[in-house]
C-alpha cells in the first residue's frame, strides 16, 4: 500500500472514531434531558394535586400547559421502528433544534436491517452534520432540514435535503468538492465507501439554496 493511501486510511479511521464519540455524546445528552424531566415528575404531580385540592382549575390548566411546553424540549420524538436509527436521528434532531434549525422528518425503518449499525451511524451522522453546517450561515427562519426514510422493495431509501447559502455547486468527477478547505471531506468519502461496499446507490444534487442526497442500500 502506498504511503498516501496509508495516510488516507489513518485519517478516515481517526475521523470515524471522532464521529462516533460525538454521536455518543449527543445521545448521552439527550437521555440526560429525559432523565432530568422524569426526576421532576413527582414534584409536578404534587403541585397539580395541591391545585386540585384547592379547586383551582385554572391553575391546573396553566400548569399543564407549561408542562406540555417543557416536554416538547425533550426531543425523543422520532420512532422509525429501528432502535439504532431512532438513537441517531433523535440526537441529531435535538442538536439541530438547539441551533434553531427546523427539521421535518418522515422515517419508517424495519426493526431488522442487514446494514451494520456502525455503517448506519456513519451515514446518517454525516448526512445530518453536513446539513446542519450548511444551514448555519442562513437566517434562522430559512434554516430547514427535510428527511425521508423508507423501504423501497428490498432497499432502504434515505433522502436528506437542506437549505444552504451556497449557490449551485459543480461536480468534480463524481463528487461535489467540499467548500470546507483542506482536511475536510472525509465524511463524504466514508459515505461513498460504505454505499459502494453494499453495492448501493447514491445521488447528490445541488441547486441554488438547496442540497439533496439520496441513498439506496440493499437489505
N, C-alpha and C. Protein backbone atom coordinates (compact mmCIF):
# COMPACT_ATOMS: atom_id res chain seq x y z
N UNK A 1 0.85 -1.20 0.00
CA UNK A 1 0.00 0.00 0.00
C UNK A 1 0.88 1.25 0.00
N UNK A 2 0.57 2.20 -0.86
CA UNK A 2 1.36 3.42 -0.97
C UNK A 2 1.24 4.26 0.30
N UNK A 3 2.26 5.12 0.50
CA UNK A 3 2.29 5.97 1.69
C UNK A 3 1.03 6.82 1.81
N UNK A 4 0.62 7.46 0.69
CA UNK A 4 -0.54 8.35 0.74
C UNK A 4 -1.82 7.59 1.04
N UNK A 5 -1.93 6.34 0.55
CA UNK A 5 -3.11 5.52 0.85
C UNK A 5 -3.17 5.19 2.33
N UNK A 6 -2.00 4.91 2.91
CA UNK A 6 -1.95 4.64 4.35
C UNK A 6 -2.37 5.87 5.15
N UNK A 7 -1.92 7.03 4.70
CA UNK A 7 -2.26 8.28 5.38
C UNK A 7 -3.77 8.54 5.32
N UNK A 8 -4.37 8.29 4.15
CA UNK A 8 -5.81 8.49 3.99
C UNK A 8 -6.58 7.53 4.87
N UNK A 9 -6.16 6.25 4.90
CA UNK A 9 -6.83 5.26 5.74
C UNK A 9 -6.74 5.64 7.22
N UNK A 10 -5.56 6.18 7.62
CA UNK A 10 -5.39 6.60 9.01
C UNK A 10 -6.31 7.77 9.34
N UNK A 11 -6.37 8.75 8.41
CA UNK A 11 -7.24 9.91 8.61
C UNK A 11 -8.71 9.47 8.71
N UNK A 12 -9.11 8.54 7.85
CA UNK A 12 -10.50 8.07 7.84
C UNK A 12 -10.83 7.34 9.13
N UNK A 13 -9.88 6.54 9.63
CA UNK A 13 -10.10 5.82 10.89
C UNK A 13 -10.25 6.79 12.04
N UNK A 14 -9.39 7.83 12.06
CA UNK A 14 -9.49 8.85 13.10
C UNK A 14 -10.81 9.60 13.01
N UNK A 15 -11.21 9.90 11.78
CA UNK A 15 -12.46 10.62 11.57
C UNK A 15 -13.63 9.79 12.07
N UNK A 16 -13.63 8.49 11.75
CA UNK A 16 -14.72 7.61 12.19
C UNK A 16 -14.79 7.54 13.70
N UNK A 17 -13.64 7.44 14.36
CA UNK A 17 -13.59 7.39 15.81
C UNK A 17 -14.14 8.67 16.42
N UNK A 18 -13.73 9.82 15.88
CA UNK A 18 -14.21 11.11 16.38
C UNK A 18 -15.72 11.25 16.17
N UNK A 19 -16.20 10.78 15.01
CA UNK A 19 -17.62 10.89 14.69
C UNK A 19 -18.46 10.09 15.67
N UNK A 20 -18.05 8.87 15.96
CA UNK A 20 -18.79 8.03 16.90
C UNK A 20 -18.78 8.64 18.30
N UNK A 21 -17.65 9.23 18.69
CA UNK A 21 -17.57 9.87 20.00
C UNK A 21 -18.57 11.01 20.11
N UNK A 22 -18.69 11.80 19.04
CA UNK A 22 -19.65 12.90 19.01
C UNK A 22 -21.08 12.37 19.11
N UNK A 23 -21.39 11.32 18.35
CA UNK A 23 -22.74 10.75 18.37
C UNK A 23 -23.11 10.27 19.77
N UNK A 24 -22.20 9.55 20.41
CA UNK A 24 -22.49 9.03 21.74
C UNK A 24 -22.66 10.16 22.75
N UNK A 25 -21.89 11.22 22.60
CA UNK A 25 -22.04 12.38 23.50
C UNK A 25 -23.40 13.02 23.31
N UNK A 26 -23.86 13.11 22.07
CA UNK A 26 -25.18 13.70 21.79
C UNK A 26 -26.29 12.84 22.36
N UNK A 27 -26.16 11.52 22.22
CA UNK A 27 -27.17 10.61 22.76
C UNK A 27 -27.20 10.69 24.28
N UNK A 28 -26.01 10.75 24.89
CA UNK A 28 -25.94 10.87 26.35
C UNK A 28 -26.63 12.14 26.82
N UNK A 29 -26.43 13.24 26.10
CA UNK A 29 -27.08 14.50 26.46
C UNK A 29 -28.59 14.39 26.33
N UNK A 30 -29.06 13.72 25.27
CA UNK A 30 -30.49 13.55 25.07
C UNK A 30 -31.13 12.77 26.22
N UNK A 31 -30.48 11.66 26.62
CA UNK A 31 -31.03 10.86 27.70
C UNK A 31 -30.91 11.57 29.05
N UNK A 32 -29.89 12.42 29.21
CA UNK A 32 -29.76 13.19 30.43
C UNK A 32 -30.94 14.16 30.58
N UNK A 33 -31.36 14.76 29.44
CA UNK A 33 -32.53 15.64 29.46
C UNK A 33 -33.78 14.87 29.87
N UNK A 34 -33.94 13.68 29.29
CA UNK A 34 -35.12 12.87 29.60
C UNK A 34 -35.12 12.45 31.07
N UNK A 35 -33.96 12.02 31.57
CA UNK A 35 -33.86 11.60 32.96
C UNK A 35 -34.16 12.75 33.90
N UNK A 36 -33.69 13.95 33.56
CA UNK A 36 -33.95 15.11 34.40
C UNK A 36 -35.43 15.43 34.49
N UNK A 37 -36.14 15.32 33.35
CA UNK A 37 -37.58 15.58 33.37
C UNK A 37 -38.31 14.56 34.22
N UNK A 38 -37.90 13.29 34.11
CA UNK A 38 -38.54 12.25 34.92
C UNK A 38 -38.30 12.45 36.41
N UNK A 39 -37.10 12.97 36.73
CA UNK A 39 -36.78 13.24 38.13
C UNK A 39 -37.73 14.27 38.71
N UNK A 40 -38.15 15.22 37.88
CA UNK A 40 -39.05 16.29 38.34
C UNK A 40 -40.52 15.87 38.33
N UNK A 41 -40.80 14.70 37.76
CA UNK A 41 -42.18 14.28 37.55
C UNK A 41 -42.98 14.23 38.87
N UNK A 42 -42.37 13.69 39.93
CA UNK A 42 -43.06 13.59 41.22
C UNK A 42 -43.43 14.98 41.75
N UNK A 43 -42.53 15.93 41.60
CA UNK A 43 -42.81 17.29 42.06
C UNK A 43 -43.97 17.91 41.28
N UNK A 44 -44.02 17.66 39.98
CA UNK A 44 -45.12 18.17 39.16
C UNK A 44 -46.46 17.61 39.64
N UNK A 45 -46.49 16.32 39.94
CA UNK A 45 -47.71 15.67 40.42
C UNK A 45 -48.17 16.30 41.73
N UNK A 46 -47.23 16.58 42.61
CA UNK A 46 -47.57 17.18 43.91
C UNK A 46 -48.16 18.57 43.73
N UNK A 47 -47.59 19.35 42.82
CA UNK A 47 -48.12 20.69 42.56
C UNK A 47 -49.54 20.60 42.01
N UNK A 48 -49.76 19.71 41.06
CA UNK A 48 -51.09 19.56 40.47
C UNK A 48 -52.10 19.08 41.51
N UNK A 49 -51.69 18.17 42.36
CA UNK A 49 -52.59 17.70 43.43
C UNK A 49 -52.96 18.84 44.36
N UNK A 50 -51.99 19.71 44.64
CA UNK A 50 -52.25 20.84 45.53
C UNK A 50 -53.28 21.78 44.93
N UNK A 51 -53.11 22.10 43.62
CA UNK A 51 -54.09 22.96 42.94
C UNK A 51 -55.47 22.31 42.90
N UNK A 52 -55.48 20.98 42.67
CA UNK A 52 -56.76 20.26 42.57
C UNK A 52 -57.49 20.28 43.91
N UNK A 53 -56.76 20.09 45.01
CA UNK A 53 -57.36 20.10 46.34
C UNK A 53 -57.95 21.47 46.67
N UNK A 54 -57.32 22.52 46.11
CA UNK A 54 -57.83 23.87 46.33
C UNK A 54 -58.99 24.21 45.40
N UNK A 55 -59.24 23.32 44.43
CA UNK A 55 -60.30 23.56 43.47
C UNK A 55 -59.96 24.63 42.45
N UNK A 56 -58.66 24.89 42.29
CA UNK A 56 -58.21 25.94 41.37
C UNK A 56 -57.97 25.32 39.98
N UNK A 57 -59.05 25.19 39.20
CA UNK A 57 -58.98 24.55 37.89
C UNK A 57 -58.12 25.34 36.91
N UNK A 58 -58.18 26.68 36.98
CA UNK A 58 -57.39 27.49 36.08
C UNK A 58 -55.89 27.31 36.31
N UNK A 59 -55.52 27.16 37.58
CA UNK A 59 -54.11 26.94 37.91
C UNK A 59 -53.65 25.58 37.38
N UNK A 60 -54.52 24.59 37.48
CA UNK A 60 -54.20 23.26 36.95
C UNK A 60 -53.97 23.33 35.44
N UNK A 61 -54.88 24.01 34.72
CA UNK A 61 -54.75 24.14 33.28
C UNK A 61 -53.47 24.87 32.89
N UNK A 62 -53.18 25.96 33.61
CA UNK A 62 -51.98 26.75 33.31
C UNK A 62 -50.72 25.90 33.52
N UNK A 63 -50.68 25.16 34.61
CA UNK A 63 -49.50 24.34 34.91
C UNK A 63 -49.33 23.23 33.87
N UNK A 64 -50.45 22.64 33.43
CA UNK A 64 -50.38 21.60 32.40
C UNK A 64 -49.85 22.15 31.08
N UNK A 65 -50.26 23.38 30.75
CA UNK A 65 -49.75 24.00 29.52
C UNK A 65 -48.24 24.20 29.62
N UNK A 66 -47.76 24.64 30.80
CA UNK A 66 -46.33 24.84 31.00
C UNK A 66 -45.57 23.52 30.91
N UNK A 67 -46.16 22.45 31.47
CA UNK A 67 -45.53 21.14 31.39
C UNK A 67 -45.46 20.65 29.94
N UNK A 68 -46.50 20.91 29.18
CA UNK A 68 -46.53 20.49 27.79
C UNK A 68 -45.42 21.18 26.99
N UNK A 69 -45.22 22.47 27.24
CA UNK A 69 -44.16 23.22 26.56
C UNK A 69 -42.79 22.68 26.97
N UNK A 70 -42.64 22.35 28.26
CA UNK A 70 -41.37 21.83 28.75
C UNK A 70 -41.06 20.47 28.14
N UNK A 71 -42.08 19.63 28.03
CA UNK A 71 -41.89 18.29 27.47
C UNK A 71 -41.47 18.36 26.02
N UNK A 72 -41.94 19.36 25.31
CA UNK A 72 -41.59 19.49 23.89
C UNK A 72 -40.11 19.78 23.66
N UNK A 73 -39.42 20.20 24.73
CA UNK A 73 -37.99 20.45 24.60
C UNK A 73 -37.18 19.16 24.69
N UNK A 74 -37.80 18.06 25.10
CA UNK A 74 -37.13 16.76 25.16
C UNK A 74 -37.41 16.06 23.85
N UNK A 75 -36.42 16.05 22.97
CA UNK A 75 -36.66 15.71 21.57
C UNK A 75 -36.57 14.23 21.23
N UNK A 76 -37.00 13.33 22.11
CA UNK A 76 -37.05 11.92 21.77
C UNK A 76 -38.38 11.67 21.07
N UNK A 77 -38.50 12.18 19.87
CA UNK A 77 -39.80 12.19 19.20
C UNK A 77 -39.88 11.26 18.01
N UNK A 78 -38.73 10.84 17.47
CA UNK A 78 -38.76 10.03 16.27
C UNK A 78 -38.80 8.55 16.61
N UNK A 79 -39.76 7.85 16.05
CA UNK A 79 -39.89 6.42 16.25
C UNK A 79 -40.03 5.77 14.87
N UNK A 80 -38.87 5.38 14.32
CA UNK A 80 -38.85 4.85 12.97
C UNK A 80 -39.20 3.38 12.91
N UNK A 81 -39.03 2.67 14.03
CA UNK A 81 -39.21 1.23 14.05
C UNK A 81 -37.88 0.52 14.24
N UNK A 82 -36.76 1.25 14.09
CA UNK A 82 -35.43 0.68 14.26
C UNK A 82 -34.70 1.46 15.34
N UNK A 83 -34.23 0.77 16.39
CA UNK A 83 -33.67 1.43 17.56
C UNK A 83 -32.45 2.28 17.23
N UNK A 84 -31.50 1.73 16.47
CA UNK A 84 -30.30 2.49 16.15
C UNK A 84 -30.62 3.74 15.37
N UNK A 85 -31.53 3.62 14.40
CA UNK A 85 -31.94 4.79 13.62
C UNK A 85 -32.58 5.84 14.53
N UNK A 86 -33.41 5.40 15.47
CA UNK A 86 -34.05 6.32 16.40
C UNK A 86 -33.02 7.08 17.22
N UNK A 87 -32.02 6.35 17.73
CA UNK A 87 -30.99 6.96 18.57
C UNK A 87 -30.24 8.05 17.80
N UNK A 88 -29.82 7.71 16.58
CA UNK A 88 -29.03 8.67 15.79
C UNK A 88 -29.87 9.88 15.41
N UNK A 89 -31.06 9.62 14.84
CA UNK A 89 -31.89 10.73 14.36
C UNK A 89 -32.34 11.63 15.50
N UNK A 90 -32.74 11.03 16.63
CA UNK A 90 -33.20 11.86 17.74
C UNK A 90 -32.09 12.73 18.30
N UNK A 91 -30.88 12.19 18.37
CA UNK A 91 -29.76 13.00 18.88
C UNK A 91 -29.48 14.17 17.94
N UNK A 92 -29.57 13.91 16.63
CA UNK A 92 -29.29 14.96 15.65
C UNK A 92 -30.43 15.98 15.56
N UNK A 93 -31.66 15.50 15.69
CA UNK A 93 -32.81 16.42 15.71
C UNK A 93 -32.67 17.38 16.88
N UNK A 94 -32.29 16.83 18.04
CA UNK A 94 -32.10 17.66 19.23
C UNK A 94 -31.01 18.70 19.00
N UNK A 95 -29.91 18.28 18.36
CA UNK A 95 -28.81 19.20 18.08
C UNK A 95 -29.24 20.28 17.10
N UNK A 96 -29.96 19.90 16.04
CA UNK A 96 -30.41 20.87 15.03
C UNK A 96 -31.35 21.89 15.65
N UNK A 97 -32.29 21.44 16.44
CA UNK A 97 -33.26 22.36 17.05
C UNK A 97 -32.59 23.30 18.05
N UNK A 98 -31.54 22.81 18.71
CA UNK A 98 -30.82 23.70 19.63
C UNK A 98 -30.13 24.82 18.88
N UNK A 99 -29.97 24.65 17.57
CA UNK A 99 -29.36 25.68 16.72
C UNK A 99 -30.40 26.37 15.86
N UNK A 100 -31.65 26.25 16.28
CA UNK A 100 -32.76 26.94 15.62
C UNK A 100 -32.91 26.56 14.15
N UNK A 101 -32.77 25.26 13.89
CA UNK A 101 -32.99 24.71 12.56
C UNK A 101 -34.28 23.90 12.57
N UNK A 102 -35.18 24.20 11.66
CA UNK A 102 -36.42 23.43 11.55
C UNK A 102 -36.12 22.07 10.91
N UNK A 103 -36.61 21.01 11.53
CA UNK A 103 -36.41 19.66 11.00
C UNK A 103 -37.77 19.04 10.71
N UNK A 104 -37.96 18.59 9.48
CA UNK A 104 -39.17 17.89 9.08
C UNK A 104 -38.77 16.49 8.66
N UNK A 105 -39.26 15.50 9.39
CA UNK A 105 -38.81 14.13 9.15
C UNK A 105 -39.98 13.16 9.02
N UNK A 106 -39.84 12.25 8.08
CA UNK A 106 -40.80 11.15 7.89
C UNK A 106 -39.96 9.90 7.67
N UNK A 107 -39.82 9.08 8.71
CA UNK A 107 -38.91 7.94 8.63
C UNK A 107 -39.59 6.66 9.12
N UNK A 108 -39.49 5.63 8.31
CA UNK A 108 -40.04 4.31 8.64
C UNK A 108 -38.99 3.27 8.26
N UNK A 109 -38.46 2.58 9.28
CA UNK A 109 -37.36 1.65 9.06
C UNK A 109 -37.68 0.32 9.73
N UNK A 110 -37.41 -0.82 9.07
CA UNK A 110 -37.66 -2.13 9.69
C UNK A 110 -36.85 -2.32 10.97
N UNK A 111 -37.37 -3.14 11.87
CA UNK A 111 -36.66 -3.44 13.12
C UNK A 111 -35.30 -4.04 12.81
N UNK A 112 -35.26 -4.96 11.85
CA UNK A 112 -34.01 -5.64 11.50
C UNK A 112 -33.51 -5.15 10.14
N UNK A 113 -32.24 -4.75 10.10
CA UNK A 113 -31.59 -4.33 8.86
C UNK A 113 -30.32 -5.14 8.66
N UNK A 114 -29.97 -5.38 7.42
CA UNK A 114 -28.70 -6.06 7.15
C UNK A 114 -27.54 -5.07 7.21
N UNK A 115 -27.83 -3.78 7.10
CA UNK A 115 -26.79 -2.75 7.22
C UNK A 115 -26.26 -2.73 8.64
N UNK A 116 -24.95 -2.81 8.80
CA UNK A 116 -24.34 -2.79 10.12
C UNK A 116 -24.65 -1.48 10.83
N UNK A 117 -24.84 -1.54 12.15
CA UNK A 117 -25.19 -0.35 12.91
C UNK A 117 -24.14 0.74 12.79
N UNK A 118 -22.87 0.37 12.81
CA UNK A 118 -21.81 1.38 12.71
C UNK A 118 -21.85 2.07 11.36
N UNK A 119 -22.18 1.33 10.30
CA UNK A 119 -22.28 1.94 8.96
C UNK A 119 -23.48 2.88 8.89
N UNK A 120 -24.60 2.47 9.49
CA UNK A 120 -25.78 3.33 9.52
C UNK A 120 -25.50 4.60 10.30
N UNK A 121 -24.78 4.45 11.40
CA UNK A 121 -24.41 5.60 12.23
C UNK A 121 -23.56 6.58 11.44
N UNK A 122 -22.58 6.08 10.70
CA UNK A 122 -21.69 6.94 9.93
C UNK A 122 -22.45 7.66 8.83
N UNK A 123 -23.31 6.94 8.11
CA UNK A 123 -24.06 7.56 7.01
C UNK A 123 -25.00 8.64 7.52
N UNK A 124 -25.86 8.28 8.48
CA UNK A 124 -26.86 9.23 8.98
C UNK A 124 -26.19 10.39 9.71
N UNK A 125 -25.16 10.08 10.49
CA UNK A 125 -24.48 11.13 11.23
C UNK A 125 -23.83 12.15 10.31
N UNK A 126 -23.16 11.67 9.27
CA UNK A 126 -22.52 12.58 8.33
C UNK A 126 -23.54 13.40 7.54
N UNK A 127 -24.60 12.75 7.08
CA UNK A 127 -25.63 13.48 6.33
C UNK A 127 -26.22 14.59 7.18
N UNK A 128 -26.52 14.27 8.43
CA UNK A 128 -27.12 15.27 9.32
C UNK A 128 -26.13 16.38 9.66
N UNK A 129 -24.89 16.01 9.97
CA UNK A 129 -23.89 17.02 10.32
C UNK A 129 -23.64 17.98 9.17
N UNK A 130 -23.55 17.44 7.95
CA UNK A 130 -23.36 18.29 6.78
C UNK A 130 -24.54 19.23 6.57
N UNK A 131 -25.75 18.69 6.79
CA UNK A 131 -26.95 19.51 6.62
C UNK A 131 -27.01 20.64 7.65
N UNK A 132 -26.66 20.31 8.89
CA UNK A 132 -26.66 21.33 9.95
C UNK A 132 -25.64 22.43 9.64
N UNK A 133 -24.45 22.02 9.24
CA UNK A 133 -23.40 23.00 8.95
C UNK A 133 -23.78 23.90 7.78
N UNK A 134 -24.45 23.31 6.77
CA UNK A 134 -24.85 24.10 5.60
C UNK A 134 -25.94 25.12 5.95
N UNK A 135 -26.78 24.78 6.93
CA UNK A 135 -27.88 25.67 7.31
C UNK A 135 -27.42 26.87 8.14
N UNK A 136 -26.35 26.72 8.90
CA UNK A 136 -25.99 27.71 9.91
C UNK A 136 -25.74 29.13 9.39
N UNK A 137 -25.16 29.31 8.19
CA UNK A 137 -24.96 30.70 7.73
C UNK A 137 -26.25 31.43 7.38
N UNK A 138 -27.35 30.69 7.26
CA UNK A 138 -28.63 31.30 6.87
C UNK A 138 -29.33 31.95 8.05
N UNK A 139 -30.23 32.91 7.80
CA UNK A 139 -31.08 33.44 8.87
C UNK A 139 -31.91 32.29 9.46
N UNK A 140 -32.25 32.37 10.73
CA UNK A 140 -32.93 31.27 11.40
C UNK A 140 -34.20 30.84 10.69
N UNK A 141 -34.95 31.81 10.15
CA UNK A 141 -36.23 31.47 9.51
C UNK A 141 -36.05 30.70 8.20
N UNK A 142 -34.82 30.67 7.67
CA UNK A 142 -34.57 29.96 6.41
C UNK A 142 -33.88 28.62 6.61
N UNK A 143 -33.56 28.26 7.83
CA UNK A 143 -32.87 27.01 8.10
C UNK A 143 -33.86 25.84 8.11
N UNK A 144 -33.61 24.87 7.26
CA UNK A 144 -34.53 23.73 7.14
C UNK A 144 -33.80 22.47 6.72
N UNK A 145 -34.11 21.37 7.41
CA UNK A 145 -33.62 20.04 7.02
C UNK A 145 -34.84 19.14 6.86
N UNK A 146 -34.92 18.48 5.72
CA UNK A 146 -36.04 17.57 5.45
C UNK A 146 -35.49 16.16 5.23
N UNK A 147 -36.04 15.22 5.99
CA UNK A 147 -35.55 13.83 5.97
C UNK A 147 -36.69 12.89 5.59
N UNK A 148 -36.36 11.93 4.73
CA UNK A 148 -37.34 10.89 4.41
C UNK A 148 -36.60 9.56 4.35
N UNK A 149 -37.13 8.55 5.06
CA UNK A 149 -36.56 7.20 5.05
C UNK A 149 -37.68 6.18 4.97
N UNK A 150 -37.49 5.19 4.12
CA UNK A 150 -38.49 4.13 3.99
C UNK A 150 -37.89 2.99 3.17
N UNK A 151 -38.57 1.88 3.16
CA UNK A 151 -38.15 0.76 2.33
C UNK A 151 -38.75 0.89 0.94
N UNK A 152 -37.94 0.66 -0.06
CA UNK A 152 -38.40 0.57 -1.44
C UNK A 152 -38.08 -0.83 -1.92
N UNK A 153 -39.10 -1.68 -1.90
CA UNK A 153 -38.92 -3.11 -2.15
C UNK A 153 -37.94 -3.67 -1.13
N UNK A 154 -36.76 -4.13 -1.57
CA UNK A 154 -35.78 -4.71 -0.64
C UNK A 154 -34.63 -3.75 -0.35
N UNK A 155 -34.83 -2.47 -0.59
CA UNK A 155 -33.76 -1.50 -0.37
C UNK A 155 -34.20 -0.41 0.59
N UNK A 156 -33.27 0.01 1.45
CA UNK A 156 -33.52 1.12 2.37
C UNK A 156 -33.22 2.42 1.65
N UNK A 157 -34.23 3.29 1.59
CA UNK A 157 -34.10 4.57 0.89
C UNK A 157 -33.95 5.70 1.91
N UNK A 158 -32.96 6.57 1.67
CA UNK A 158 -32.74 7.73 2.53
C UNK A 158 -32.63 8.98 1.67
N UNK A 159 -33.30 10.04 2.10
CA UNK A 159 -33.21 11.31 1.39
C UNK A 159 -33.03 12.43 2.41
N UNK A 160 -31.98 13.22 2.24
CA UNK A 160 -31.71 14.38 3.09
C UNK A 160 -31.66 15.62 2.21
N UNK A 161 -32.49 16.61 2.52
CA UNK A 161 -32.45 17.89 1.81
C UNK A 161 -32.28 19.00 2.83
N UNK A 162 -31.38 19.92 2.56
CA UNK A 162 -31.19 21.05 3.46
C UNK A 162 -31.07 22.34 2.66
N UNK A 163 -31.50 23.42 3.29
CA UNK A 163 -31.27 24.74 2.70
C UNK A 163 -29.81 25.11 2.91
N UNK A 164 -29.31 25.99 2.06
CA UNK A 164 -27.91 26.39 2.14
C UNK A 164 -27.73 27.78 1.54
N UNK A 165 -26.71 28.47 2.02
CA UNK A 165 -26.40 29.80 1.48
C UNK A 165 -25.56 29.70 0.22
N UNK A 166 -25.11 28.49 -0.10
CA UNK A 166 -24.23 28.29 -1.25
C UNK A 166 -25.04 28.17 -2.53
N UNK A 167 -24.56 28.78 -3.60
CA UNK A 167 -25.21 28.64 -4.89
C UNK A 167 -24.91 27.26 -5.47
N UNK A 168 -25.55 26.95 -6.59
CA UNK A 168 -25.39 25.64 -7.21
C UNK A 168 -23.92 25.31 -7.39
N UNK A 169 -23.54 24.10 -6.90
CA UNK A 169 -22.16 23.67 -6.99
C UNK A 169 -21.95 22.79 -8.24
N UNK A 170 -20.72 22.83 -8.74
CA UNK A 170 -20.36 21.99 -9.87
C UNK A 170 -19.61 20.76 -9.37
N UNK A 171 -19.82 19.63 -10.04
CA UNK A 171 -19.14 18.40 -9.65
C UNK A 171 -17.74 18.35 -10.23
N UNK A 172 -16.86 17.69 -9.48
CA UNK A 172 -15.52 17.37 -9.97
C UNK A 172 -15.47 15.85 -10.06
N UNK A 173 -15.74 15.31 -11.24
CA UNK A 173 -15.89 13.87 -11.38
C UNK A 173 -17.24 13.44 -10.86
N UNK A 174 -17.24 12.51 -9.88
CA UNK A 174 -18.50 12.01 -9.34
C UNK A 174 -18.93 12.76 -8.09
N UNK A 175 -18.04 13.59 -7.53
CA UNK A 175 -18.34 14.24 -6.25
C UNK A 175 -18.34 15.75 -6.38
N UNK A 176 -19.09 16.37 -5.45
CA UNK A 176 -19.01 17.82 -5.30
C UNK A 176 -17.81 18.10 -4.41
N UNK A 177 -17.01 19.08 -4.78
CA UNK A 177 -15.86 19.44 -3.96
C UNK A 177 -16.32 20.06 -2.65
N UNK A 178 -15.67 19.69 -1.54
CA UNK A 178 -16.00 20.29 -0.26
C UNK A 178 -15.62 21.76 -0.27
N UNK A 179 -16.43 22.59 0.38
CA UNK A 179 -16.13 24.03 0.48
C UNK A 179 -15.47 24.35 1.82
N UNK A 180 -15.10 23.30 2.59
CA UNK A 180 -14.57 23.50 3.94
C UNK A 180 -13.06 23.64 3.97
N UNK A 181 -12.41 23.39 2.84
CA UNK A 181 -10.97 23.54 2.80
C UNK A 181 -10.23 22.24 3.02
N UNK A 182 -8.89 22.33 3.05
CA UNK A 182 -8.05 21.15 3.21
C UNK A 182 -8.28 20.51 4.57
N UNK A 183 -8.30 19.15 4.58
CA UNK A 183 -8.51 18.43 5.84
C UNK A 183 -9.95 18.06 6.07
N UNK A 184 -10.85 18.47 5.18
CA UNK A 184 -12.26 18.15 5.32
C UNK A 184 -12.69 17.26 4.14
N UNK A 185 -13.93 16.81 4.20
CA UNK A 185 -14.45 15.98 3.12
C UNK A 185 -14.37 14.50 3.39
N UNK A 186 -13.80 14.10 4.55
CA UNK A 186 -13.70 12.69 4.85
C UNK A 186 -15.07 12.05 5.08
N UNK A 187 -16.02 12.82 5.56
CA UNK A 187 -17.37 12.30 5.76
C UNK A 187 -17.98 11.84 4.46
N UNK A 188 -17.79 12.63 3.41
CA UNK A 188 -18.32 12.27 2.09
C UNK A 188 -17.66 10.99 1.57
N UNK A 189 -16.35 10.88 1.80
CA UNK A 189 -15.62 9.69 1.37
C UNK A 189 -16.13 8.46 2.12
N UNK A 190 -16.36 8.61 3.42
CA UNK A 190 -16.84 7.49 4.22
C UNK A 190 -18.20 7.02 3.73
N UNK A 191 -19.10 7.96 3.45
CA UNK A 191 -20.42 7.59 2.95
C UNK A 191 -20.30 6.84 1.64
N UNK A 192 -19.52 7.38 0.71
CA UNK A 192 -19.37 6.76 -0.60
C UNK A 192 -18.78 5.36 -0.49
N UNK A 193 -17.79 5.20 0.41
CA UNK A 193 -17.16 3.90 0.60
C UNK A 193 -18.14 2.86 1.10
N UNK A 194 -18.97 3.26 2.06
CA UNK A 194 -19.95 2.33 2.62
C UNK A 194 -21.01 1.95 1.59
N UNK A 195 -21.52 2.94 0.88
CA UNK A 195 -22.54 2.67 -0.14
C UNK A 195 -21.98 1.74 -1.21
N UNK A 196 -20.74 1.96 -1.61
CA UNK A 196 -20.11 1.11 -2.62
C UNK A 196 -19.95 -0.32 -2.09
N UNK A 197 -19.59 -0.44 -0.82
CA UNK A 197 -19.39 -1.77 -0.23
C UNK A 197 -20.68 -2.58 -0.23
N UNK A 198 -21.80 -1.89 -0.01
CA UNK A 198 -23.11 -2.57 -0.02
C UNK A 198 -23.69 -2.68 -1.42
N UNK A 199 -22.95 -2.22 -2.40
CA UNK A 199 -23.41 -2.19 -3.79
C UNK A 199 -24.73 -1.41 -3.90
N UNK A 200 -24.74 -0.29 -3.20
CA UNK A 200 -25.91 0.56 -3.20
C UNK A 200 -25.81 1.67 -4.23
N UNK A 201 -26.63 2.69 -4.03
CA UNK A 201 -26.73 3.81 -4.98
C UNK A 201 -26.73 5.11 -4.20
N UNK A 202 -26.00 6.10 -4.68
CA UNK A 202 -26.01 7.41 -4.05
C UNK A 202 -26.08 8.49 -5.12
N UNK A 203 -26.88 9.51 -4.85
CA UNK A 203 -27.03 10.64 -5.77
C UNK A 203 -27.03 11.93 -4.97
N UNK A 204 -26.26 12.91 -5.43
CA UNK A 204 -26.25 14.22 -4.80
C UNK A 204 -26.66 15.26 -5.82
N UNK A 205 -27.50 16.20 -5.38
CA UNK A 205 -27.99 17.23 -6.29
C UNK A 205 -27.88 18.60 -5.63
N UNK A 206 -27.22 19.52 -6.30
CA UNK A 206 -27.04 20.87 -5.79
C UNK A 206 -27.83 21.86 -6.63
N UNK A 207 -28.63 22.67 -5.96
CA UNK A 207 -29.36 23.78 -6.60
C UNK A 207 -29.09 25.04 -5.79
N UNK A 208 -29.42 26.18 -6.36
CA UNK A 208 -29.27 27.43 -5.61
C UNK A 208 -30.12 27.36 -4.34
N UNK A 209 -29.46 27.40 -3.20
CA UNK A 209 -30.19 27.44 -1.94
C UNK A 209 -30.60 26.10 -1.37
N UNK A 210 -30.25 24.98 -2.02
CA UNK A 210 -30.66 23.68 -1.50
C UNK A 210 -29.69 22.59 -1.95
N UNK A 211 -29.55 21.57 -1.11
CA UNK A 211 -28.69 20.43 -1.44
C UNK A 211 -29.39 19.16 -1.00
N UNK A 212 -29.40 18.15 -1.86
CA UNK A 212 -30.09 16.88 -1.60
C UNK A 212 -29.17 15.69 -1.81
N UNK A 213 -29.22 14.76 -0.89
CA UNK A 213 -28.51 13.48 -1.03
C UNK A 213 -29.52 12.35 -0.94
N UNK A 214 -29.47 11.42 -1.89
CA UNK A 214 -30.34 10.24 -1.89
C UNK A 214 -29.48 8.99 -1.89
N UNK A 215 -29.87 8.02 -1.07
CA UNK A 215 -29.12 6.78 -0.94
C UNK A 215 -30.06 5.58 -0.95
N UNK A 216 -29.67 4.53 -1.63
CA UNK A 216 -30.36 3.24 -1.61
C UNK A 216 -29.39 2.18 -1.15
N UNK A 217 -29.77 1.41 -0.13
CA UNK A 217 -28.93 0.33 0.38
C UNK A 217 -29.70 -0.98 0.33
N UNK A 218 -29.22 -1.98 -0.42
CA UNK A 218 -29.89 -3.29 -0.46
C UNK A 218 -29.94 -3.92 0.94
N UNK A 219 -31.05 -4.60 1.25
CA UNK A 219 -31.21 -5.25 2.55
C UNK A 219 -31.45 -6.74 2.37
